Amino acid sequence: MDIRLAPMEGVTDAVCRRVHHRLFGGVTRYYIPFITPSIHRVFTTRDLRAIDPKQNEGVPVIPQLLTRDPELFLWAAQELQQLGYDEVNLNIGCPSGTVTGKGRGAGMLRDPDALRAFLDAIFAASPLPISVKTRIGFESPDEWPALLDLFRQYPVRELTIHPRTRSEFYKGGVHMDCFDAAAGCGLPLVFNGNLFTREDCEALQARHPGVPMMIGRGLLANPALARELHSGAPLTRSELHAWHDALLEGYSREYPASTVHSRMREHMKYLSGCFENPDKALKAIRKSNLHTYPAAAAQLLELPLAARPGYRTETFSE
């Protein structure tokens, strides 16, 4: 199976990518969370760290750009090419209000004419092949047929489809009929959305054999998921400890203590789905400070393992 790690801002950073690739593998491509080129045509320190080839050495990565300005996209693509990248991914799927309010991400789906002009410009001059990550519309799935027809007019290297609208964010189920409708459109497709367990992935493969899968929350909740899909080897307690400790060590080398604490709490929130009855321990992690975090994390890591590790929707409903 062709499995990719989805870009998730503040979570799937270079430390996470390197540690996952080393400890678990099974992922063919890791997407760098979106970079937003500035009008000054410089990358921020954070973005430079994210795309630095030394930070991603040995890890198959693809950078993602978030912009509605074709000139900025082309400038950034040129810079990425000079760094050695051979593909750039365009984000027109992010549903965040701070993103869509500026007409970026899924906000670009609101104005098909402007989107067409943007795509005309970047595909005419990009120094790198362009893949696209999209949703099926801004307000309604009824927007999807016209959007799909638009994408078909360009040499999109791959079209990753998250079958929800922007207004749905990550709530409810996905519109499988919209992905079904895209099959046979002539573009290489990748599926993204609600792939939380081995069973979810196998059901998708039964419906669309061989389709690549971009997984975010499911791989953070069970970092061995890709390996399980390839070889069946399940996650072990020692691996959970190794994952936690390697992340903590990696973050501690690169970030101030407050950032380390914040990122580890976020990872443990996802990882809670690997354990039975994790709510009490997770609450202790959520309320922890820099000094009490180690004990709170140990409390979670020593709980009995869940029979079916995976993403816990209720954990993120707060």
C-alpha atoms as a PDB file:
ATOM      1  CA  MET A   1       0.000   0.000   0.000  1.00  0.00           C
ATOM      2  CA  ASP A   2       1.093   3.542  -0.749  1.00  0.00           C
ATOM      3  CA  ILE A   3       0.729   5.479   2.511  1.00  0.00           C
ATOM      4  CA  ARG A   4       1.621   9.132   3.106  1.00  0.00           C
ATOM      5  CA  LEU A   5       1.721  11.206   6.295  1.00  0.00           C
ATOM      6  CA  ALA A   6      -0.548  14.227   5.968  1.00  0.00           C
ATOM      7  CA  PRO A   7       0.769  17.690   6.806  1.00  0.00           C
ATOM      8  CA  MET A   8      -0.529  18.856  10.189  1.00  0.00           C
ATOM      9  CA  GLU A   9       0.688  22.234  11.348  1.00  0.00           C
ATOM     10  CA  GLY A  10       2.572  22.159  14.638  1.00  0.00           C
ATOM     11  CA  VAL A  11       2.507  18.367  14.846  1.00  0.00           C
ATOM     12  CA  THR A  12       4.096  16.637  11.834  1.00  0.00           C
ATOM     13  CA  ASP A  13       7.217  18.774  11.976  1.00  0.00           C
ATOM     14  CA  ALA A  14      10.754  17.694  11.047  1.00  0.00           C
ATOM     15  CA  VAL A  15      11.335  16.020  14.421  1.00  0.00           C
ATOM     16  CA  CYS A  16       8.139  13.995  14.096  1.00  0.00           C
ATOM     17  CA  ARG A  17       8.923  13.034  10.509  1.00  0.00           C
ATOM     18  CA  ARG A  18      12.464  11.901  11.261  1.00  0.00           C
ATOM     19  CA  VAL A  19      11.484   9.898  14.337  1.00  0.00           C
ATOM     20  CA  HIS A  20       8.548   8.213  12.633  1.00  0.00           C
ATOM     21  CA  HIS A  21      10.610   7.282   9.581  1.00  0.00           C
ATOM     22  CA  ARG A  22      13.341   5.800  11.781  1.00  0.00           C
ATOM     23  CA  LEU A  23      11.165   3.890  14.249  1.00  0.00           C
ATOM     24  CA  PHE A  24       8.215   2.752  12.154  1.00  0.00           C
ATOM     25  CA  GLY A  25       8.576   3.431   8.430  1.00  0.00           C
ATOM     26  CA  GLY A  26       5.942   2.206   6.011  1.00  0.00           C
ATOM     27  CA  VAL A  27       5.290   5.759   4.757  1.00  0.00           C
ATOM     28  CA  THR A  28       6.300   6.586   1.192  1.00  0.00           C
ATOM     29  CA  ARG A  29       6.022  10.383   1.504  1.00  0.00           C
ATOM     30  CA  TYR A  30       5.885  12.850   4.357  1.00  0.00           C
ATOM     31  CA  TYR A  31       4.274  16.204   3.534  1.00  0.00           C
ATOM     32  CA  ILE A  32       5.802  19.287   5.134  1.00  0.00           C
ATOM     33  CA  PRO A  33       3.004  21.396   6.694  1.00  0.00           C
ATOM     34  CA  PHE A  34       2.153  24.424   4.634  1.00  0.00           C
ATOM     35  CA  ILE A  35       4.570  27.264   4.048  1.00  0.00           C
ATOM     36  CA  THR A  36       3.099  30.690   3.289  1.00  0.00           C
ATOM     37  CA  PRO A  37       5.437  32.796   1.109  1.00  0.00           C
ATOM     38  CA  SER A  38       5.604  36.419   2.256  1.00  0.00           C
ATOM     39  CA  ILE A  39       5.333  39.470   0.015  1.00  0.00           C
ATOM     40  CA  HIS A  40       8.986  40.170   0.844  1.00  0.00           C
ATOM     41  CA  ARG A  41       9.991  36.918  -0.857  1.00  0.00           C
ATOM     42  CA  VAL A  42      11.772  35.494   2.146  1.00  0.00           C
ATOM     43  CA  PHE A  43      11.037  32.402   4.193  1.00  0.00           C
ATOM     44  CA  THR A  44      10.560  32.756   7.932  1.00  0.00           C
ATOM     45  CA  THR A  45      13.009  31.092  10.290  1.00  0.00           C
ATOM     46  CA  ARG A  46      10.364  28.476  11.075  1.00  0.00           C
ATOM     47  CA  ASP A  47       9.773  27.752   7.386  1.00  0.00           C
ATOM     48  CA  LEU A  48      13.494  27.572   6.646  1.00  0.00           C
ATOM     49  CA  ARG A  49      13.858  24.985   9.407  1.00  0.00           C
ATOM     50  CA  ALA A  50      10.963  22.984   7.962  1.00  0.00           C
ATOM     51  CA  ILE A  51      12.348  22.824   4.413  1.00  0.00           C
ATOM     52  CA  ASP A  52      16.042  22.605   5.272  1.00  0.00           C
ATOM     53  CA  PRO A  53      17.294  19.433   3.532  1.00  0.00           C
ATOM     54  CA  LYS A  54      19.486  18.699   6.560  1.00  0.00           C
ATOM     55  CA  GLN A  55      16.373  18.621   8.769  1.00  0.00           C
ATOM     56  CA  ASN A  56      14.798  16.072   6.421  1.00  0.00           C
ATOM     57  CA  GLU A  57      17.865  14.023   5.543  1.00  0.00           C
ATOM     58  CA  GLY A  58      16.949  10.482   4.593  1.00  0.00           C
ATOM     59  CA  VAL A  59      13.202  11.189   4.818  1.00  0.00           C
ATOM     60  CA  PRO A  60      11.089  11.344   1.616  1.00  0.00           C
ATOM     61  CA  VAL A  61       9.407  14.736   1.969  1.00  0.00           C
ATOM     62  CA  ILE A  62       7.259  17.018  -0.189  1.00  0.00           C
ATOM     63  CA  PRO A  63       6.842  20.700   0.725  1.00  0.00           C
ATOM     64  CA  GLN A  64       3.392  22.282   0.671  1.00  0.00           C
ATOM     65  CA  LEU A  65       2.641  25.903  -0.235  1.00  0.00           C
ATOM     66  CA  LEU A  66      -0.305  27.987   0.926  1.00  0.00           C
ATOM     67  CA  THR A  67      -0.901  31.151  -1.089  1.00  0.00           C
ATOM     68  CA  ARG A  68      -3.379  32.721  -3.492  1.00  0.00           C
ATOM     69  CA  ASP A  69      -0.715  34.851  -5.198  1.00  0.00           C
ATOM     70  CA  PRO A  70       0.704  33.081  -8.276  1.00  0.00           C
ATOM     71  CA  GLU A  71       3.889  35.167  -8.280  1.00  0.00           C
ATOM     72  CA  LEU A  72       4.638  34.207  -4.686  1.00  0.00           C
ATOM     73  CA  PHE A  73       3.891  30.565  -5.471  1.00  0.00           C
ATOM     74  CA  LEU A  74       6.301  30.628  -8.408  1.00  0.00           C
ATOM     75  CA  TRP A  75       9.001  32.361  -6.373  1.00  0.00           C
ATOM     76  CA  ALA A  76       8.708  29.786  -3.599  1.00  0.00           C
ATOM     77  CA  ALA A  77       8.674  26.898  -6.072  1.00  0.00           C
ATOM     78  CA  GLN A  78      11.906  28.215  -7.576  1.00  0.00           C
ATOM     79  CA  GLU A  79      13.513  28.393  -4.141  1.00  0.00           C
ATOM     80  CA  LEU A  80      12.385  24.867  -3.345  1.00  0.00           C
ATOM     81  CA  GLN A  81      13.808  23.591  -6.608  1.00  0.00           C
ATOM     82  CA  GLN A  82      17.174  25.117  -5.721  1.00  0.00           C
ATOM     83  CA  LEU A  83      17.037  23.259  -2.411  1.00  0.00           C
ATOM     84  CA  GLY A  84      16.695  20.001  -4.332  1.00  0.00           C
ATOM     85  CA  TYR A  85      12.959  19.308  -4.159  1.00  0.00           C
ATOM     86  CA  ASP A  86      11.323  17.689  -7.173  1.00  0.00           C
ATOM     87  CA  GLU A  87       7.644  18.410  -6.404  1.00  0.00           C
ATOM     88  CA  VAL A  88       5.559  21.051  -4.673  1.00  0.00           C
ATOM     89  CA  ASN A  89       2.115  20.524  -3.186  1.00  0.00           C
ATOM     90  CA  LEU A  90      -0.562  23.235  -3.358  1.00  0.00           C
ATOM     91  CA  ASN A  91      -2.856  23.522  -0.339  1.00  0.00           C
ATOM     92  CA  ILE A  92      -6.381  24.511  -1.304  1.00  0.00           C
ATOM     93  CA  GLY A  93      -7.983  22.404   1.381  1.00  0.00           C
ATOM     94  CA  CYS A  94      -7.151  23.981   4.756  1.00  0.00           C
ATOM     95  CA  PRO A  95     -10.502  24.934   6.404  1.00  0.00           C
ATOM     96  CA  SER A  96      -9.107  27.186   9.150  1.00  0.00           C
ATOM     97  CA  GLY A  97     -10.935  30.495   9.446  1.00  0.00           C
ATOM     98  CA  THR A  98      -7.683  32.436   9.686  1.00  0.00           C
ATOM     99  CA  VAL A  99      -6.636  30.877   6.374  1.00  0.00           C
ATOM    100  CA  THR A 100      -9.894  30.978   4.434  1.00  0.00           C
ATOM    101  CA  GLY A 101     -10.617  34.498   5.634  1.00  0.00           C
ATOM    102  CA  LYS A 102      -7.635  35.625   3.552  1.00  0.00           C
ATOM    103  CA  GLY A 103      -8.828  33.683   0.528  1.00  0.00           C
ATOM    104  CA  ARG A 104      -6.217  30.962   0.943  1.00  0.00           C
ATOM    105  CA  GLY A 105      -6.543  27.222   1.408  1.00  0.00           C
ATOM    106  CA  ALA A 106     -10.141  26.078   1.031  1.00  0.00           C
ATOM    107  CA  GLY A 107     -11.061  29.755   0.717  1.00  0.00           C
ATOM    108  CA  MET A 108      -9.888  29.536  -2.897  1.00  0.00           C
ATOM    109  CA  LEU A 109     -12.753  27.142  -3.629  1.00  0.00           C
ATOM    110  CA  ARG A 110     -15.235  29.948  -3.008  1.00  0.00           C
ATOM    111  CA  ASP A 111     -14.254  31.741  -6.236  1.00  0.00           C
ATOM    112  CA  PRO A 112     -13.788  29.279  -9.134  1.00  0.00           C
ATOM    113  CA  ASP A 113     -12.889  32.031 -11.615  1.00  0.00           C
ATOM    114  CA  ALA A 114     -10.073  33.315  -9.413  1.00  0.00           C
ATOM    115  CA  LEU A 115      -8.934  29.740  -8.803  1.00  0.00           C
ATOM    116  CA  ARG A 116      -8.823  29.129 -12.553  1.00  0.00           C
ATOM    117  CA  ALA A 117      -6.693  32.236 -13.115  1.00  0.00           C
ATOM    118  CA  PHE A 118      -4.343  31.157 -10.329  1.00  0.00           C
ATOM    119  CA  LEU A 119      -3.968  27.641 -11.724  1.00  0.00           C
ATOM    120  CA  ASP A 120      -3.416  28.999 -15.248  1.00  0.00           C
ATOM    121  CA  ALA A 121      -0.526  31.105 -13.987  1.00  0.00           C
ATOM    122  CA  ILE A 122       1.263  28.544 -11.837  1.00  0.00           C
ATOM    123  CA  PHE A 123       0.949  25.585 -14.183  1.00  0.00           C
ATOM    124  CA  ALA A 124       2.223  27.707 -17.060  1.00  0.00           C
ATOM    125  CA  ALA A 125       5.455  28.652 -15.311  1.00  0.00           C
ATOM    126  CA  SER A 126       6.197  26.406 -12.322  1.00  0.00           C
ATOM    127  CA  PRO A 127       9.732  25.019 -12.286  1.00  0.00           C
ATOM    128  CA  LEU A 128       8.436  21.999 -10.339  1.00  0.00           C
ATOM    129  CA  PRO A 129       5.615  19.512 -10.938  1.00  0.00           C
ATOM    130  CA  ILE A 130       2.575  20.509  -8.868  1.00  0.00           C
ATOM    131  CA  SER A 131       0.357  18.209  -6.828  1.00  0.00           C
ATOM    132  CA  VAL A 132      -2.845  19.546  -5.292  1.00  0.00           C
ATOM    133  CA  LYS A 133      -4.634  18.855  -2.009  1.00  0.00           C
ATOM    134  CA  THR A 134      -8.260  19.946  -2.086  1.00  0.00           C
ATOM    135  CA  ARG A 135     -11.698  19.652  -0.571  1.00  0.00           C
ATOM    136  CA  ILE A 136     -14.830  19.032  -2.621  1.00  0.00           C
ATOM    137  CA  GLY A 137     -16.273  22.523  -2.259  1.00  0.00           C
ATOM    138  CA  PHE A 138     -16.654  25.472   0.049  1.00  0.00           C
ATOM    139  CA  GLU A 139     -20.290  25.115   1.117  1.00  0.00           C
ATOM    140  CA  SER A 140     -21.772  22.139  -0.717  1.00  0.00           C
ATOM    141  CA  PRO A 141     -20.725  18.873  -2.354  1.00  0.00           C
ATOM    142  CA  ASP A 142     -22.719  20.095  -5.348  1.00  0.00           C
ATOM    143  CA  GLU A 143     -19.692  22.257  -6.167  1.00  0.00           C
ATOM    144  CA  TRP A 144     -17.520  19.203  -6.754  1.00  0.00           C
ATOM    145  CA  PRO A 145     -18.328  18.281 -10.394  1.00  0.00           C
ATOM    146  CA  ALA A 146     -17.313  21.738 -11.638  1.00  0.00           C
ATOM    147  CA  LEU A 147     -14.187  21.769  -9.461  1.00  0.00           C
ATOM    148  CA  LEU A 148     -13.136  18.335 -10.650  1.00  0.00           C
ATOM    149  CA  ASP A 149     -13.633  19.416 -14.256  1.00  0.00           C
ATOM    150  CA  LEU A 150     -11.408  22.417 -13.556  1.00  0.00           C
ATOM    151  CA  PHE A 151      -8.582  20.311 -12.101  1.00  0.00           C
ATOM    152  CA  ARG A 152      -8.704  17.977 -15.090  1.00  0.00           C
ATOM    153  CA  GLN A 153      -7.579  20.836 -17.323  1.00  0.00           C
ATOM    154  CA  TYR A 154      -4.106  20.927 -15.758  1.00  0.00           C
ATOM    155  CA  PRO A 155      -1.163  18.502 -15.549  1.00  0.00           C
ATOM    156  CA  VAL A 156      -1.705  17.876 -11.846  1.00  0.00           C
ATOM    157  CA  ARG A 157       0.900  15.364 -10.695  1.00  0.00           C
ATOM    158  CA  GLU A 158      -1.511  14.029  -8.062  1.00  0.00           C
ATOM    159  CA  LEU A 159      -4.869  15.221  -6.801  1.00  0.00           C
ATOM    160  CA  THR A 160      -5.363  14.512  -3.103  1.00  0.00           C
ATOM    161  CA  ILE A 161      -9.061  14.692  -2.260  1.00  0.00           C
ATOM    162  CA  HIS A 162     -10.446  15.216   1.225  1.00  0.00           C
ATOM    163  CA  PRO A 163     -14.134  14.477   0.546  1.00  0.00           C
ATOM    164  CA  ARG A 164     -15.606  17.158   2.797  1.00  0.00           C
ATOM    165  CA  THR A 165     -16.517  20.773   2.182  1.00  0.00           C
ATOM    166  CA  ARG A 166     -14.807  23.606   3.966  1.00  0.00           C
ATOM    167  CA  SER A 167     -17.959  24.263   6.002  1.00  0.00           C
ATOM    168  CA  GLU A 168     -17.864  20.692   7.336  1.00  0.00           C
ATOM    169  CA  PHE A 169     -14.294  21.075   8.649  1.00  0.00           C
ATOM    170  CA  TYR A 170     -13.575  17.585  10.059  1.00  0.00           C
ATOM    171  CA  LYS A 171     -17.064  16.785  11.306  1.00  0.00           C
ATOM    172  CA  GLY A 172     -19.207  13.851  10.327  1.00  0.00           C
ATOM    173  CA  GLY A 173     -18.453  11.337   7.615  1.00  0.00           C
ATOM    174  CA  VAL A 174     -16.804  11.886   4.259  1.00  0.00           C
ATOM    175  CA  HIS A 175     -18.647  12.028   0.927  1.00  0.00           C
ATOM    176  CA  MET A 176     -17.396   8.813  -0.629  1.00  0.00           C
ATOM    177  CA  ASP A 177     -19.641   9.353  -3.638  1.00  0.00           C
ATOM    178  CA  CYS A 178     -17.583  12.422  -4.538  1.00  0.00           C
ATOM    179  CA  PHE A 179     -14.356  10.440  -4.479  1.00  0.00           C
ATOM    180  CA  ASP A 180     -16.051   7.655  -6.426  1.00  0.00           C
ATOM    181  CA  ALA A 181     -17.031  10.214  -9.063  1.00  0.00           C
ATOM    182  CA  ALA A 182     -13.399  11.292  -9.437  1.00  0.00           C
ATOM    183  CA  ALA A 183     -12.175   7.771 -10.182  1.00  0.00           C
ATOM    184  CA  GLY A 184     -11.391   7.588 -13.874  1.00  0.00           C
ATOM    185  CA  CYS A 185     -11.069  11.357 -14.260  1.00  0.00           C
ATOM    186  CA  GLY A 186      -7.621  10.909 -15.773  1.00  0.00           C
ATOM    187  CA  LEU A 187      -5.666  12.349 -12.851  1.00  0.00           C
ATOM    188  CA  PRO A 188      -3.686  10.285 -10.312  1.00  0.00           C
ATOM    189  CA  LEU A 189      -5.758  10.401  -7.134  1.00  0.00           C
ATOM    190  CA  VAL A 190      -4.886  10.190  -3.425  1.00  0.00           C
ATOM    191  CA  PHE A 191      -7.513   9.721  -0.718  1.00  0.00           C
ATOM    192  CA  ASN A 192      -7.453  11.702   2.529  1.00  0.00           C
ATOM    193  CA  GLY A 193      -9.965  11.730   5.378  1.00  0.00           C
ATOM    194  CA  ASN A 194     -11.226   9.549   8.252  1.00  0.00           C
ATOM    195  CA  LEU A 195      -8.608   6.824   7.833  1.00  0.00           C
ATOM    196  CA  PHE A 196      -8.195   6.052  11.509  1.00  0.00           C
ATOM    197  CA  THR A 197      -7.739   2.284  11.691  1.00  0.00           C
ATOM    198  CA  ARG A 198      -6.483  -0.676   9.725  1.00  0.00           C
ATOM    199  CA  GLU A 199     -10.088  -1.566   8.971  1.00  0.00           C
ATOM    200  CA  ASP A 200     -10.765   1.909   7.558  1.00  0.00           C
ATOM    201  CA  CYS A 201      -7.804   1.628   5.219  1.00  0.00           C
ATOM    202  CA  GLU A 202      -8.632  -1.898   4.109  1.00  0.00           C
ATOM    203  CA  ALA A 203     -12.234  -0.879   3.384  1.00  0.00           C
ATOM    204  CA  LEU A 204     -10.995   1.964   1.189  1.00  0.00           C
ATOM    205  CA  GLN A 205      -8.633  -0.388  -0.641  1.00  0.00           C
ATOM    206  CA  ALA A 206     -11.472  -2.795  -1.273  1.00  0.00           C
ATOM    207  CA  ARG A 207     -13.482   0.052  -2.786  1.00  0.00           C
ATOM    208  CA  HIS A 208     -10.580   1.664  -4.685  1.00  0.00           C
ATOM    209  CA  PRO A 209      -7.774  -0.896  -5.032  1.00  0.00           C
ATOM    210  CA  GLY A 210      -4.310   0.574  -5.033  1.00  0.00           C
ATOM    211  CA  VAL A 211      -5.307   4.166  -4.372  1.00  0.00           C
ATOM    212  CA  PRO A 212      -2.638   5.974  -2.301  1.00  0.00           C
ATOM    213  CA  MET A 213      -3.791   7.054   1.168  1.00  0.00           C
ATOM    214  CA  MET A 214      -2.792  10.261   2.942  1.00  0.00           C
ATOM    215  CA  ILE A 215      -3.273   9.685   6.670  1.00  0.00           C
ATOM    216  CA  GLY A 216      -2.900  12.267   9.415  1.00  0.00           C
ATOM    217  CA  ARG A 217      -4.774  11.700  12.661  1.00  0.00           C
ATOM    218  CA  GLY A 218      -4.786   7.923  12.238  1.00  0.00           C
ATOM    219  CA  LEU A 219      -0.986   7.742  12.039  1.00  0.00           C
ATOM    220  CA  LEU A 220      -0.510  10.048  15.009  1.00  0.00           C
ATOM    221  CA  ALA A 221      -2.931   7.965  17.072  1.00  0.00           C
ATOM    222  CA  ASN A 222      -1.194   4.735  16.046  1.00  0.00           C
ATOM    223  CA  PRO A 223       2.289   5.452  14.673  1.00  0.00           C
ATOM    224  CA  ALA A 224       2.640   1.796  13.618  1.00  0.00           C
ATOM    225  CA  LEU A 225      -0.478   1.909  11.408  1.00  0.00           C
ATOM    226  CA  ALA A 226       1.431   2.037   8.110  1.00  0.00           C
ATOM    227  CA  ARG A 227       3.598  -0.898   9.161  1.00  0.00           C
ATOM    228  CA  GLU A 228       0.539  -2.861  10.243  1.00  0.00           C
ATOM    229  CA  LEU A 229      -0.993  -2.343   6.815  1.00  0.00           C
ATOM    230  CA  HIS A 230       2.182  -3.629   5.150  1.00  0.00           C
ATOM    231  CA  SER A 231       3.225  -6.506   7.392  1.00  0.00           C
ATOM    232  CA  GLY A 232       0.607  -6.860  10.104  1.00  0.00           C
ATOM    233  CA  ALA A 233       3.100  -6.304  12.935  1.00  0.00           C
ATOM    234  CA  PRO A 234       1.127  -4.524  15.695  1.00  0.00           C
ATOM    235  CA  LEU A 235       2.231  -1.669  17.908  1.00  0.00           C
ATOM    236  CA  THR A 236       4.043  -2.650  21.113  1.00  0.00           C
ATOM    237  CA  ARG A 237       4.419  -0.923  24.471  1.00  0.00           C
ATOM    238  CA  SER A 238       8.190  -0.655  24.054  1.00  0.00           C
ATOM    239  CA  GLU A 239       7.641   1.125  20.744  1.00  0.00           C
ATOM    240  CA  LEU A 240       5.274   3.590  22.378  1.00  0.00           C
ATOM    241  CA  HIS A 241       7.919   4.384  24.974  1.00  0.00           C
ATOM    242  CA  ALA A 242      10.568   4.727  22.265  1.00  0.00           C
ATOM    243  CA  TRP A 243       8.300   7.007  20.202  1.00  0.00           C
ATOM    244  CA  HIS A 244       7.579   9.232  23.185  1.00  0.00           C
ATOM    245  CA  ASP A 245      11.195   9.400  24.328  1.00  0.00           C
ATOM    246  CA  ALA A 246      12.591  10.080  20.853  1.00  0.00           C
ATOM    247  CA  LEU A 247      10.101  12.882  20.249  1.00  0.00           C
ATOM    248  CA  LEU A 248      10.898  14.413  23.635  1.00  0.00           C
ATOM    249  CA  GLU A 249      14.627  14.210  22.991  1.00  0.00           C
ATOM    250  CA  GLY A 250      14.309  15.647  19.499  1.00  0.00           C
ATOM    251  CA  TYR A 251      12.132  18.554  20.569  1.00  0.00           C
ATOM    252  CA  SER A 252      14.362  19.279  23.550  1.00  0.00           C
ATOM    253  CA  ARG A 253      17.334  19.718  21.220  1.00  0.00           C
ATOM    254  CA  GLU A 254      15.542  22.177  18.947  1.00  0.00           C
ATOM    255  CA  TYR A 255      12.965  24.143  20.937  1.00  0.00           C
ATOM    256  CA  PRO A 256      12.579  26.029  24.213  1.00  0.00           C
ATOM    257  CA  ALA A 257      11.040  24.102  27.092  1.00  0.00           C
ATOM    258  CA  SER A 258       7.584  25.680  26.709  1.00  0.00           C
ATOM    259  CA  THR A 259       7.392  24.589  23.066  1.00  0.00           C
ATOM    260  CA  VAL A 260       8.593  21.097  23.948  1.00  0.00           C
ATOM    261  CA  HIS A 261       5.855  20.802  26.556  1.00  0.00           C
ATOM    262  CA  SER A 262       3.168  22.034  24.168  1.00  0.00           C
ATOM    263  CA  ARG A 263       4.134  19.660  21.373  1.00  0.00           C
ATOM    264  CA  MET A 264       4.443  16.650  23.636  1.00  0.00           C
ATOM    265  CA  ARG A 265       1.003  17.284  25.133  1.00  0.00           C
ATOM    266  CA  GLU A 266      -0.433  17.411  21.621  1.00  0.00           C
ATOM    267  CA  HIS A 267       1.212  14.140  20.627  1.00  0.00           C
ATOM    268  CA  MET A 268       0.003  12.439  23.805  1.00  0.00           C
ATOM    269  CA  LYS A 269      -3.512  13.608  23.095  1.00  0.00           C
ATOM    270  CA  TYR A 270      -3.435  11.646  19.851  1.00  0.00           C
ATOM    271  CA  LEU A 271      -1.554   8.730  21.402  1.00  0.00           C
ATOM    272  CA  SER A 272      -4.184   8.279  24.105  1.00  0.00           C
ATOM    273  CA  GLY A 273      -6.111   6.070  21.680  1.00  0.00           C
ATOM    274  CA  CYS A 274      -3.470   3.388  22.146  1.00  0.00           C
ATOM    275  CA  PHE A 275      -4.568   2.774  25.755  1.00  0.00           C
ATOM    276  CA  GLU A 276      -7.613   1.600  27.639  1.00  0.00           C
ATOM    277  CA  ASN A 277      -9.445   4.135  29.809  1.00  0.00           C
ATOM    278  CA  PRO A 278      -6.928   6.953  29.222  1.00  0.00           C
ATOM    279  CA  ASP A 279      -9.107   9.894  30.278  1.00  0.00           C
ATOM    280  CA  LYS A 280      -7.726  10.326  33.808  1.00  0.00           C
ATOM    281  CA  ALA A 281      -4.104  10.153  32.647  1.00  0.00           C
ATOM    282  CA  LEU A 282      -4.828  12.421  29.703  1.00  0.00           C
ATOM    283  CA  LYS A 283      -6.389  14.986  32.015  1.00  0.00           C
ATOM    284  CA  ALA A 284      -3.200  14.953  34.097  1.00  0.00           C
ATOM    285  CA  ILE A 285      -1.148  15.559  30.940  1.00  0.00           C
ATOM    286  CA  ARG A 286      -3.456  18.370  29.861  1.00  0.00           C
ATOM    287  CA  LYS A 287      -3.129  20.080  33.265  1.00  0.00           C
ATOM    288  CA  SER A 288       0.594  19.415  33.588  1.00  0.00           C
ATOM    289  CA  ASN A 289       3.381  21.972  33.613  1.00  0.00           C
ATOM    290  CA  LEU A 290       7.004  21.574  32.599  1.00  0.00           C
ATOM    291  CA  HIS A 291       7.852  19.861  35.888  1.00  0.00           C
ATOM    292  CA  THR A 292       4.841  17.555  36.261  1.00  0.00           C
ATOM    293  CA  TYR A 293       4.650  16.410  32.643  1.00  0.00           C
ATOM    294  CA  PRO A 294       7.050  13.429  32.930  1.00  0.00           C
ATOM    295  CA  ALA A 295       5.004  11.806  35.701  1.00  0.00           C
ATOM    296  CA  ALA A 296       1.740  12.470  33.883  1.00  0.00           C
ATOM    297  CA  ALA A 297       3.100  10.982  30.657  1.00  0.00           C
ATOM    298  CA  ALA A 298       4.380   7.913  32.501  1.00  0.00           C
ATOM    299  CA  GLN A 299       0.902   7.408  33.941  1.00  0.00           C
ATOM    300  CA  LEU A 300      -0.552   7.180  30.418  1.00  0.00           C
ATOM    301  CA  LEU A 301       2.231   5.041  28.972  1.00  0.00           C
ATOM    302  CA  GLU A 302       1.783   2.348  31.637  1.00  0.00           C
ATOM    303  CA  LEU A 303      -1.943   1.821  31.064  1.00  0.00           C
ATOM    304  CA  PRO A 304      -3.136  -1.410  29.428  1.00  0.00           C
ATOM    305  CA  LEU A 305      -2.902  -1.267  25.646  1.00  0.00           C
ATOM    306  CA  ALA A 306      -6.139  -0.928  23.712  1.00  0.00           C
ATOM    307  CA  ALA A 307      -7.173  -3.952  21.678  1.00  0.00           C
ATOM    308  CA  ARG A 308      -7.544  -1.701  18.634  1.00  0.00           C
ATOM    309  CA  PRO A 309      -5.304   1.366  18.883  1.00  0.00           C
ATOM    310  CA  GLY A 310      -6.664   4.328  16.980  1.00  0.00           C
ATOM    311  CA  TYR A 311      -7.933   7.878  16.896  1.00  0.00           C
ATOM    312  CA  ARG A 312     -10.416   8.789  19.647  1.00  0.00           C
ATOM    313  CA  THR A 313     -12.870  11.309  18.225  1.00  0.00           C
ATOM    314  CA  GLU A 314     -14.247  12.170  21.661  1.00  0.00           C
ATOM    315  CA  THR A 315     -10.820  13.378  22.779  1.00  0.00           C
ATOM    316  CA  PHE A 316     -10.959  16.199  20.255  1.00  0.00           C
ATOM    317  CA  SER A 317     -14.556  17.292  20.802  1.00  0.00           C
ATOM    318  CA  GLU A 318     -13.694  19.808  23.509  1.00  0.00           C
END
